[in-house]
All heavy atoms as atom14 arrays in JSON, in Angstrom:
{
  "sequence": "AIAGAVSTLYGLLTHTKWVNKLGILEYIFITPSHHLSLIHISEPTR",
  "atom14_mask": [
    [1, 1, 1, 1, 1, 0, 0, 0, 0, 0, 0, 0, 0, 0],
    [1, 1, 1, 1, 1, 1, 1, 1, 0, 0, 0, 0, 0, 0],
    [1, 1, 1, 1, 1, 0, 0, 0, 0, 0, 0, 0, 0, 0],
    [1, 1, 1, 1, 0, 0, 0, 0, 0, 0, 0, 0, 0, 0],
    [1, 1, 1, 1, 1, 0, 0, 0, 0, 0, 0, 0, 0, 0],
    [1, 1, 1, 1, 1, 1, 1, 0, 0, 0, 0, 0, 0, 0],
    [1, 1, 1, 1, 1, 1, 0, 0, 0, 0, 0, 0, 0, 0],
    [1, 1, 1, 1, 1, 1, 1, 0, 0, 0, 0, 0, 0, 0],
    [1, 1, 1, 1, 1, 1, 1, 1, 0, 0, 0, 0, 0, 0],
    [1, 1, 1, 1, 1, 1, 1, 1, 1, 1, 1, 1, 0, 0],
    [1, 1, 1, 1, 0, 0, 0, 0, 0, 0, 0, 0, 0, 0],
    [1, 1, 1, 1, 1, 1, 1, 1, 0, 0, 0, 0, 0, 0],
    [1, 1, 1, 1, 1, 1, 1, 1, 0, 0, 0, 0, 0, 0],
    [1, 1, 1, 1, 1, 1, 1, 0, 0, 0, 0, 0, 0, 0],
    [1, 1, 1, 1, 1, 1, 1, 1, 1, 1, 0, 0, 0, 0],
    [1, 1, 1, 1, 1, 1, 1, 0, 0, 0, 0, 0, 0, 0],
    [1, 1, 1, 1, 1, 1, 1, 1, 1, 0, 0, 0, 0, 0],
    [1, 1, 1, 1, 1, 1, 1, 1, 1, 1, 1, 1, 1, 1],
    [1, 1, 1, 1, 1, 1, 1, 0, 0, 0, 0, 0, 0, 0],
    [1, 1, 1, 1, 1, 1, 1, 1, 0, 0, 0, 0, 0, 0],
    [1, 1, 1, 1, 1, 1, 1, 1, 1, 0, 0, 0, 0, 0],
    [1, 1, 1, 1, 1, 1, 1, 1, 0, 0, 0, 0, 0, 0],
    [1, 1, 1, 1, 0, 0, 0, 0, 0, 0, 0, 0, 0, 0],
    [1, 1, 1, 1, 1, 1, 1, 1, 0, 0, 0, 0, 0, 0],
    [1, 1, 1, 1, 1, 1, 1, 1, 0, 0, 0, 0, 0, 0],
    [1, 1, 1, 1, 1, 1, 1, 1, 1, 0, 0, 0, 0, 0],
    [1, 1, 1, 1, 1, 1, 1, 1, 1, 1, 1, 1, 0, 0],
    [1, 1, 1, 1, 1, 1, 1, 1, 0, 0, 0, 0, 0, 0],
    [1, 1, 1, 1, 1, 1, 1, 1, 1, 1, 1, 0, 0, 0],
    [1, 1, 1, 1, 1, 1, 1, 1, 0, 0, 0, 0, 0, 0],
    [1, 1, 1, 1, 1, 1, 1, 0, 0, 0, 0, 0, 0, 0],
    [1, 1, 1, 1, 1, 1, 1, 0, 0, 0, 0, 0, 0, 0],
    [1, 1, 1, 1, 1, 1, 0, 0, 0, 0, 0, 0, 0, 0],
    [1, 1, 1, 1, 1, 1, 1, 1, 1, 1, 0, 0, 0, 0],
    [1, 1, 1, 1, 1, 1, 1, 1, 1, 1, 0, 0, 0, 0],
    [1, 1, 1, 1, 1, 1, 1, 1, 0, 0, 0, 0, 0, 0],
    [1, 1, 1, 1, 1, 1, 0, 0, 0, 0, 0, 0, 0, 0],
    [1, 1, 1, 1, 1, 1, 1, 1, 0, 0, 0, 0, 0, 0],
    [1, 1, 1, 1, 1, 1, 1, 1, 0, 0, 0, 0, 0, 0],
    [1, 1, 1, 1, 1, 1, 1, 1, 1, 1, 0, 0, 0, 0],
    [1, 1, 1, 1, 1, 1, 1, 1, 0, 0, 0, 0, 0, 0],
    [1, 1, 1, 1, 1, 1, 0, 0, 0, 0, 0, 0, 0, 0],
    [1, 1, 1, 1, 1, 1, 1, 1, 1, 0, 0, 0, 0, 0],
    [1, 1, 1, 1, 1, 1, 1, 0, 0, 0, 0, 0, 0, 0],
    [1, 1, 1, 1, 1, 1, 1, 0, 0, 0, 0, 0, 0, 0],
    [1, 1, 1, 1, 1, 1, 1, 1, 1, 1, 1, 0, 0, 0]
  ],
  "atom14_positions": [
    [[27.15, 1.11, 24.51], [27.52, 0.27, 23.37], [26.39, -0.7, 23.02], [26.05, -0.9, 21.85], [28.8, -0.49, 23.67], [0.0, 0.0, 0.0], [0.0, 0.0, 0.0], [0.0, 0.0, 0.0], [0.0, 0.0, 0.0], [0.0, 0.0, 0.0], [0.0, 0.0, 0.0], [0.0, 0.0, 0.0], [0.0, 0.0, 0.0], [0.0, 0.0, 0.0]],
    [[25.8, -1.32, 24.04], [24.73, -2.29, 23.8], [23.48, -1.58, 23.27], [22.86, -2.02, 22.3], [24.4, -3.07, 25.09], [25.61, -3.89, 25.53], [23.18, -3.97, 24.88], [25.47, -4.52, 26.89], [0.0, 0.0, 0.0], [0.0, 0.0, 0.0], [0.0, 0.0, 0.0], [0.0, 0.0, 0.0], [0.0, 0.0, 0.0], [0.0, 0.0, 0.0]],
    [[23.1, -0.48, 23.91], [21.93, 0.28, 23.46], [22.16, 0.82, 22.05], [21.23, 0.88, 21.24], [21.64, 1.43, 24.43], [0.0, 0.0, 0.0], [0.0, 0.0, 0.0], [0.0, 0.0, 0.0], [0.0, 0.0, 0.0], [0.0, 0.0, 0.0], [0.0, 0.0, 0.0], [0.0, 0.0, 0.0], [0.0, 0.0, 0.0], [0.0, 0.0, 0.0]],
    [[23.39, 1.21, 21.75], [23.72, 1.7, 20.41], [23.54, 0.62, 19.36], [23.07, 0.89, 18.25], [0.0, 0.0, 0.0], [0.0, 0.0, 0.0], [0.0, 0.0, 0.0], [0.0, 0.0, 0.0], [0.0, 0.0, 0.0], [0.0, 0.0, 0.0], [0.0, 0.0, 0.0], [0.0, 0.0, 0.0], [0.0, 0.0, 0.0], [0.0, 0.0, 0.0]],
    [[23.91, -0.62, 19.69], [23.73, -1.73, 18.75], [22.25, -1.97, 18.48], [21.84, -2.2, 17.33], [24.38, -3.0, 19.31], [0.0, 0.0, 0.0], [0.0, 0.0, 0.0], [0.0, 0.0, 0.0], [0.0, 0.0, 0.0], [0.0, 0.0, 0.0], [0.0, 0.0, 0.0], [0.0, 0.0, 0.0], [0.0, 0.0, 0.0], [0.0, 0.0, 0.0]],
    [[21.43, -1.9, 19.52], [19.98, -2.07, 19.35], [19.42, -0.95, 18.49], [18.6, -1.18, 17.59], [19.28, -2.11, 20.72], [17.76, -2.14, 20.55], [19.73, -3.32, 21.52], [0.0, 0.0, 0.0], [0.0, 0.0, 0.0], [0.0, 0.0, 0.0], [0.0, 0.0, 0.0], [0.0, 0.0, 0.0], [0.0, 0.0, 0.0], [0.0, 0.0, 0.0]],
    [[19.85, 0.28, 18.74], [19.38, 1.43, 17.97], [19.76, 1.29, 16.49], [18.97, 1.64, 15.61], [19.96, 2.73, 18.54], [19.52, 2.96, 19.85], [0.0, 0.0, 0.0], [0.0, 0.0, 0.0], [0.0, 0.0, 0.0], [0.0, 0.0, 0.0], [0.0, 0.0, 0.0], [0.0, 0.0, 0.0], [0.0, 0.0, 0.0], [0.0, 0.0, 0.0]],
    [[20.97, 0.78, 16.24], [21.41, 0.59, 14.86], [20.53, -0.41, 14.14], [20.13, -0.19, 12.98], [22.88, 0.09, 14.83], [23.72, 1.1, 15.41], [23.34, -0.19, 13.41], [0.0, 0.0, 0.0], [0.0, 0.0, 0.0], [0.0, 0.0, 0.0], [0.0, 0.0, 0.0], [0.0, 0.0, 0.0], [0.0, 0.0, 0.0], [0.0, 0.0, 0.0]],
    [[20.2, -1.51, 14.81], [19.33, -2.52, 14.2], [17.93, -1.97, 13.97], [17.29, -2.27, 12.96], [19.28, -3.76, 15.08], [20.59, -4.57, 15.15], [20.48, -5.7, 16.17], [20.95, -5.14, 13.78], [0.0, 0.0, 0.0], [0.0, 0.0, 0.0], [0.0, 0.0, 0.0], [0.0, 0.0, 0.0], [0.0, 0.0, 0.0], [0.0, 0.0, 0.0]],
    [[17.43, -1.15, 14.9], [16.12, -0.54, 14.69], [16.14, 0.39, 13.48], [15.19, 0.44, 12.7], [15.67, 0.24, 15.92], [14.38, 1.0, 15.67], [13.15, 0.32, 15.67], [14.38, 2.36, 15.38], [11.96, 0.99, 15.41], [13.2, 3.03, 15.11], [12.0, 2.35, 15.14], [10.83, 3.02, 14.87], [0.0, 0.0, 0.0], [0.0, 0.0, 0.0]],
    [[17.25, 1.12, 13.33], [17.37, 2.02, 12.19], [17.23, 1.3, 10.86], [16.68, 1.85, 9.9], [0.0, 0.0, 0.0], [0.0, 0.0, 0.0], [0.0, 0.0, 0.0], [0.0, 0.0, 0.0], [0.0, 0.0, 0.0], [0.0, 0.0, 0.0], [0.0, 0.0, 0.0], [0.0, 0.0, 0.0], [0.0, 0.0, 0.0], [0.0, 0.0, 0.0]],
    [[17.73, 0.07, 10.81], [17.59, -0.7, 9.57], [16.12, -0.92, 9.23], [15.73, -0.88, 8.06], [18.3, -2.04, 9.71], [18.26, -2.96, 8.48], [19.59, -3.68, 8.3], [17.13, -3.99, 8.58], [0.0, 0.0, 0.0], [0.0, 0.0, 0.0], [0.0, 0.0, 0.0], [0.0, 0.0, 0.0], [0.0, 0.0, 0.0], [0.0, 0.0, 0.0]],
    [[15.29, -1.12, 10.23], [13.88, -1.41, 10.0], [13.12, -0.23, 9.4], [12.02, -0.41, 8.88], [13.21, -1.83, 11.32], [13.8, -3.06, 12.01], [13.06, -3.35, 13.31], [13.75, -4.28, 11.09], [0.0, 0.0, 0.0], [0.0, 0.0, 0.0], [0.0, 0.0, 0.0], [0.0, 0.0, 0.0], [0.0, 0.0, 0.0], [0.0, 0.0, 0.0]],
    [[13.69, 0.96, 9.47], [13.0, 2.14, 8.92], [13.27, 2.33, 7.43], [12.73, 3.25, 6.83], [13.44, 3.41, 9.68], [14.83, 3.67, 9.44], [13.21, 3.25, 11.18], [0.0, 0.0, 0.0], [0.0, 0.0, 0.0], [0.0, 0.0, 0.0], [0.0, 0.0, 0.0], [0.0, 0.0, 0.0], [0.0, 0.0, 0.0], [0.0, 0.0, 0.0]],
    [[14.1, 1.47, 6.86], [14.44, 1.6, 5.44], [13.63, 0.61, 4.62], [14.14, -0.4, 4.12], [15.94, 1.37, 5.22], [16.8, 2.45, 5.77], [17.08, 2.58, 7.11], [17.46, 3.47, 5.15], [17.86, 3.62, 7.29], [18.11, 4.18, 6.13], [0.0, 0.0, 0.0], [0.0, 0.0, 0.0], [0.0, 0.0, 0.0], [0.0, 0.0, 0.0]],
    [[12.35, 0.88, 4.45], [11.5, 0.01, 3.66], [10.24, 0.74, 3.24], [9.77, 1.63, 3.95], [11.12, -1.26, 4.44], [10.32, -2.11, 3.62], [10.35, -0.92, 5.71], [0.0, 0.0, 0.0], [0.0, 0.0, 0.0], [0.0, 0.0, 0.0], [0.0, 0.0, 0.0], [0.0, 0.0, 0.0], [0.0, 0.0, 0.0], [0.0, 0.0, 0.0]],
    [[9.71, 0.36, 2.08], [8.4, 0.84, 1.64], [7.33, -0.21, 1.9], [6.17, -0.03, 1.54], [8.45, 1.17, 0.14], [9.35, 2.35, -0.19], [9.23, 2.77, -1.65], [9.96, 1.78, -2.54], [10.04, 2.25, -3.95], [0.0, 0.0, 0.0], [0.0, 0.0, 0.0], [0.0, 0.0, 0.0], [0.0, 0.0, 0.0], [0.0, 0.0, 0.0]],
    [[7.74, -1.3, 2.52], [6.85, -2.43, 2.78], [5.81, -2.09, 3.84], [4.7, -2.61, 3.85], [7.72, -3.61, 3.23], [7.05, -4.94, 3.24], [5.79, -5.25, 2.81], [7.62, -6.17, 3.69], [5.54, -6.57, 2.96], [6.66, -7.17, 3.49], [8.85, -6.51, 4.23], [6.89, -8.5, 3.83], [9.08, -7.84, 4.55], [8.12, -8.81, 4.36]],
    [[6.18, -1.21, 4.77], [5.32, -0.88, 5.91], [4.63, 0.45, 5.66], [5.28, 1.44, 5.31], [6.15, -0.8, 7.21], [5.26, -0.43, 8.38], [6.87, -2.13, 7.46], [0.0, 0.0, 0.0], [0.0, 0.0, 0.0], [0.0, 0.0, 0.0], [0.0, 0.0, 0.0], [0.0, 0.0, 0.0], [0.0, 0.0, 0.0], [0.0, 0.0, 0.0]],
    [[3.32, 0.47, 5.86], [2.55, 1.71, 5.69], [2.63, 2.55, 6.96], [3.34, 2.21, 7.91], [1.1, 1.38, 5.36], [0.97, 0.71, 4.0], [1.65, 1.09, 3.05], [0.09, -0.29, 3.9], [0.0, 0.0, 0.0], [0.0, 0.0, 0.0], [0.0, 0.0, 0.0], [0.0, 0.0, 0.0], [0.0, 0.0, 0.0], [0.0, 0.0, 0.0]],
    [[1.89, 3.64, 6.99], [1.88, 4.52, 8.17], [1.39, 3.75, 9.4], [0.51, 2.89, 9.31], [0.99, 5.74, 7.91], [1.59, 6.73, 6.92], [0.74, 7.98, 6.81], [1.36, 9.0, 5.87], [2.65, 9.52, 6.39], [0.0, 0.0, 0.0], [0.0, 0.0, 0.0], [0.0, 0.0, 0.0], [0.0, 0.0, 0.0], [0.0, 0.0, 0.0]],
    [[1.96, 4.09, 10.55], [1.69, 3.36, 11.79], [0.92, 4.2, 12.8], [1.14, 4.08, 14.01], [3.01, 2.87, 12.39], [3.81, 1.9, 11.51], [5.15, 1.57, 12.15], [3.02, 0.63, 11.25], [0.0, 0.0, 0.0], [0.0, 0.0, 0.0], [0.0, 0.0, 0.0], [0.0, 0.0, 0.0], [0.0, 0.0, 0.0], [0.0, 0.0, 0.0]],
    [[0.03, 5.04, 12.32], [-0.86, 5.79, 13.21], [-0.13, 6.71, 14.15], [0.78, 7.46, 13.76], [0.0, 0.0, 0.0], [0.0, 0.0, 0.0], [0.0, 0.0, 0.0], [0.0, 0.0, 0.0], [0.0, 0.0, 0.0], [0.0, 0.0, 0.0], [0.0, 0.0, 0.0], [0.0, 0.0, 0.0], [0.0, 0.0, 0.0], [0.0, 0.0, 0.0]],
    [[-0.47, 6.64, 15.42], [0.08, 7.55, 16.42], [1.59, 7.37, 16.59], [2.3, 8.3, 17.0], [-0.63, 7.35, 17.78], [-0.29, 8.51, 18.72], [-0.27, 6.0, 18.39], [-1.08, 8.5, 20.0], [0.0, 0.0, 0.0], [0.0, 0.0, 0.0], [0.0, 0.0, 0.0], [0.0, 0.0, 0.0], [0.0, 0.0, 0.0], [0.0, 0.0, 0.0]],
    [[2.11, 6.2, 16.24], [3.55, 5.96, 16.36], [4.35, 6.88, 15.45], [5.54, 7.12, 15.69], [3.88, 4.5, 16.03], [3.33, 3.45, 16.99], [3.74, 2.05, 16.54], [3.79, 3.71, 18.42], [0.0, 0.0, 0.0], [0.0, 0.0, 0.0], [0.0, 0.0, 0.0], [0.0, 0.0, 0.0], [0.0, 0.0, 0.0], [0.0, 0.0, 0.0]],
    [[3.71, 7.41, 14.39], [4.38, 8.34, 13.49], [4.83, 9.61, 14.22], [5.76, 10.28, 13.79], [3.44, 8.73, 12.34], [2.99, 7.57, 11.45], [4.09, 7.09, 10.52], [5.0, 7.9, 10.21], [4.04, 5.92, 10.11], [0.0, 0.0, 0.0], [0.0, 0.0, 0.0], [0.0, 0.0, 0.0], [0.0, 0.0, 0.0], [0.0, 0.0, 0.0]],
    [[4.15, 9.94, 15.33], [4.46, 11.16, 16.08], [5.46, 10.91, 17.21], [5.89, 11.84, 17.88], [3.17, 11.75, 16.68], [2.15, 12.12, 15.63], [1.13, 11.24, 15.28], [2.21, 13.35, 14.97], [0.19, 11.58, 14.3], [1.28, 13.69, 14.01], [0.28, 12.8, 13.68], [-0.65, 13.14, 12.7], [0.0, 0.0, 0.0], [0.0, 0.0, 0.0]],
    [[5.82, 9.62, 17.4], [6.7, 9.28, 18.53], [8.04, 8.74, 18.06], [9.09, 9.14, 18.57], [6.01, 8.23, 19.44], [4.66, 8.77, 19.93], [6.92, 7.87, 20.61], [3.85, 7.75, 20.69], [0.0, 0.0, 0.0], [0.0, 0.0, 0.0], [0.0, 0.0, 0.0], [0.0, 0.0, 0.0], [0.0, 0.0, 0.0], [0.0, 0.0, 0.0]],
    [[8.0, 7.86, 17.06], [9.22, 7.21, 16.59], [9.5, 7.56, 15.13], [8.63, 8.03, 14.41], [9.08, 5.68, 16.7], [8.86, 5.19, 18.11], [7.61, 4.75, 18.52], [9.91, 5.15, 19.02], [7.4, 4.3, 19.81], [9.72, 4.7, 20.3], [8.46, 4.27, 20.71], [0.0, 0.0, 0.0], [0.0, 0.0, 0.0], [0.0, 0.0, 0.0]],
    [[10.75, 7.3, 14.73], [11.08, 7.34, 13.31], [10.54, 6.04, 12.71], [11.02, 4.95, 13.02], [12.59, 7.42, 13.07], [13.14, 8.73, 13.61], [12.9, 7.3, 11.58], [12.63, 9.96, 12.88], [0.0, 0.0, 0.0], [0.0, 0.0, 0.0], [0.0, 0.0, 0.0], [0.0, 0.0, 0.0], [0.0, 0.0, 0.0], [0.0, 0.0, 0.0]],
    [[9.52, 6.14, 11.88], [8.9, 4.97, 11.26], [9.36, 4.89, 9.8], [9.91, 5.85, 9.27], [7.37, 5.08, 11.32], [6.97, 6.22, 10.54], [6.88, 5.24, 12.75], [0.0, 0.0, 0.0], [0.0, 0.0, 0.0], [0.0, 0.0, 0.0], [0.0, 0.0, 0.0], [0.0, 0.0, 0.0], [0.0, 0.0, 0.0], [0.0, 0.0, 0.0]],
    [[9.11, 3.76, 9.14], [9.51, 3.65, 7.72], [8.93, 4.76, 6.84], [9.65, 5.37, 6.04], [8.97, 2.27, 7.33], [9.04, 1.48, 8.59], [8.66, 2.46, 9.67], [0.0, 0.0, 0.0], [0.0, 0.0, 0.0], [0.0, 0.0, 0.0], [0.0, 0.0, 0.0], [0.0, 0.0, 0.0], [0.0, 0.0, 0.0], [0.0, 0.0, 0.0]],
    [[7.63, 5.06, 6.99], [7.02, 6.09, 6.14], [7.54, 7.47, 6.48], [7.76, 8.32, 5.61], [5.49, 6.05, 6.29], [5.1, 6.36, 7.61], [0.0, 0.0, 0.0], [0.0, 0.0, 0.0], [0.0, 0.0, 0.0], [0.0, 0.0, 0.0], [0.0, 0.0, 0.0], [0.0, 0.0, 0.0], [0.0, 0.0, 0.0], [0.0, 0.0, 0.0]],
    [[7.78, 7.71, 7.77], [8.32, 9.0, 8.22], [9.73, 9.19, 7.67], [10.08, 10.26, 7.15], [8.32, 9.05, 9.75], [8.8, 10.34, 10.31], [9.76, 10.42, 11.27], [8.46, 11.63, 10.02], [10.01, 11.7, 11.56], [9.23, 12.44, 10.83], [0.0, 0.0, 0.0], [0.0, 0.0, 0.0], [0.0, 0.0, 0.0], [0.0, 0.0, 0.0]],
    [[10.55, 8.17, 7.78], [11.92, 8.23, 7.3], [11.97, 8.43, 5.8], [12.75, 9.21, 5.28], [12.65, 6.93, 7.7], [14.12, 6.97, 7.46], [14.87, 5.84, 7.35], [14.98, 8.0, 7.31], [16.13, 6.17, 7.13], [16.23, 7.47, 7.11], [0.0, 0.0, 0.0], [0.0, 0.0, 0.0], [0.0, 0.0, 0.0], [0.0, 0.0, 0.0]],
    [[11.09, 7.72, 5.1], [11.05, 7.82, 3.64], [10.69, 9.22, 3.18], [11.34, 9.8, 2.31], [10.04, 6.81, 3.07], [9.81, 6.83, 1.56], [11.09, 6.45, 0.83], [8.68, 5.89, 1.18], [0.0, 0.0, 0.0], [0.0, 0.0, 0.0], [0.0, 0.0, 0.0], [0.0, 0.0, 0.0], [0.0, 0.0, 0.0], [0.0, 0.0, 0.0]],
    [[9.65, 9.8, 3.79], [9.17, 11.11, 3.36], [10.11, 12.23, 3.77], [10.26, 13.23, 3.06], [7.77, 11.37, 3.93], [7.8, 11.4, 5.35], [0.0, 0.0, 0.0], [0.0, 0.0, 0.0], [0.0, 0.0, 0.0], [0.0, 0.0, 0.0], [0.0, 0.0, 0.0], [0.0, 0.0, 0.0], [0.0, 0.0, 0.0], [0.0, 0.0, 0.0]],
    [[10.79, 12.07, 4.9], [11.62, 13.16, 5.43], [13.03, 13.15, 4.86], [13.6, 14.19, 4.56], [11.7, 13.07, 6.96], [12.52, 14.15, 7.67], [11.87, 15.51, 7.46], [12.63, 13.85, 9.15], [0.0, 0.0, 0.0], [0.0, 0.0, 0.0], [0.0, 0.0, 0.0], [0.0, 0.0, 0.0], [0.0, 0.0, 0.0], [0.0, 0.0, 0.0]],
    [[13.6, 11.96, 4.68], [15.02, 11.85, 4.36], [15.29, 11.36, 2.95], [16.15, 11.88, 2.25], [15.74, 10.91, 5.36], [15.56, 11.42, 6.79], [17.21, 10.8, 5.02], [16.18, 12.77, 7.05], [0.0, 0.0, 0.0], [0.0, 0.0, 0.0], [0.0, 0.0, 0.0], [0.0, 0.0, 0.0], [0.0, 0.0, 0.0], [0.0, 0.0, 0.0]],
    [[14.56, 10.37, 2.49], [14.95, 9.69, 1.26], [14.08, 10.02, 0.05], [14.13, 9.32, -0.95], [14.94, 8.17, 1.49], [16.11, 7.68, 2.28], [17.32, 7.33, 1.71], [16.26, 7.48, 3.62], [18.15, 6.94, 2.65], [17.55, 7.02, 3.82], [0.0, 0.0, 0.0], [0.0, 0.0, 0.0], [0.0, 0.0, 0.0], [0.0, 0.0, 0.0]],
    [[13.25, 11.05, 0.12], [12.43, 11.43, -1.03], [12.95, 12.74, -1.61], [13.19, 13.69, -0.89], [10.94, 11.6, -0.63], [10.34, 10.22, -0.33], [10.17, 12.3, -1.7], [10.22, 9.32, -1.55], [0.0, 0.0, 0.0], [0.0, 0.0, 0.0], [0.0, 0.0, 0.0], [0.0, 0.0, 0.0], [0.0, 0.0, 0.0], [0.0, 0.0, 0.0]],
    [[13.07, 12.79, -2.93], [13.5, 14.0, -3.66], [14.75, 14.61, -3.05], [14.85, 15.82, -2.85], [12.36, 15.04, -3.66], [11.21, 14.5, -4.25], [0.0, 0.0, 0.0], [0.0, 0.0, 0.0], [0.0, 0.0, 0.0], [0.0, 0.0, 0.0], [0.0, 0.0, 0.0], [0.0, 0.0, 0.0], [0.0, 0.0, 0.0], [0.0, 0.0, 0.0]],
    [[15.71, 13.77, -2.75], [16.89, 14.21, -2.0], [17.65, 15.37, -2.63], [18.04, 16.3, -1.93], [17.81, 13.01, -1.78], [17.19, 12.0, -0.83], [18.07, 10.78, -0.64], [19.01, 10.6, -1.4], [17.8, 10.01, 0.28], [0.0, 0.0, 0.0], [0.0, 0.0, 0.0], [0.0, 0.0, 0.0], [0.0, 0.0, 0.0], [0.0, 0.0, 0.0]],
    [[17.9, 15.39, -3.92], [18.73, 16.48, -4.47], [18.12, 17.87, -4.3], [18.83, 18.86, -4.3], [18.83, 16.11, -5.96], [18.6, 14.64, -6.0], [17.57, 14.38, -4.95], [0.0, 0.0, 0.0], [0.0, 0.0, 0.0], [0.0, 0.0, 0.0], [0.0, 0.0, 0.0], [0.0, 0.0, 0.0], [0.0, 0.0, 0.0], [0.0, 0.0, 0.0]],
    [[16.78, 17.94, -4.15], [16.15, 19.25, -4.05], [15.87, 19.66, -2.61], [15.38, 20.76, -2.38], [14.82, 19.24, -4.82], [13.94, 18.26, -4.24], [15.06, 18.89, -6.29], [0.0, 0.0, 0.0], [0.0, 0.0, 0.0], [0.0, 0.0, 0.0], [0.0, 0.0, 0.0], [0.0, 0.0, 0.0], [0.0, 0.0, 0.0], [0.0, 0.0, 0.0]],
    [[16.18, 18.79, -1.68], [15.84, 19.1, -0.28], [16.91, 19.99, 0.34], [18.1, 19.8, 0.08], [15.65, 17.84, 0.53], [14.5, 16.97, 0.05], [14.27, 15.81, 0.99], [13.76, 16.28, 2.28], [12.49, 16.49, 2.54], [11.58, 16.3, 1.6], [12.08, 16.9, 3.73], [0.0, 0.0, 0.0], [0.0, 0.0, 0.0], [0.0, 0.0, 0.0]]
  ]
}
């Protein structure tokens, strides 16, 4: 439950265009740019 709450709050941080690519972290974590390009871009055609 506690780890889930932390994960939920981290998920919020991935919803922004304010942060650019984060280098090697793009291959390890869900980052804002990764989330944007994978999930929230051109949604109806994906």
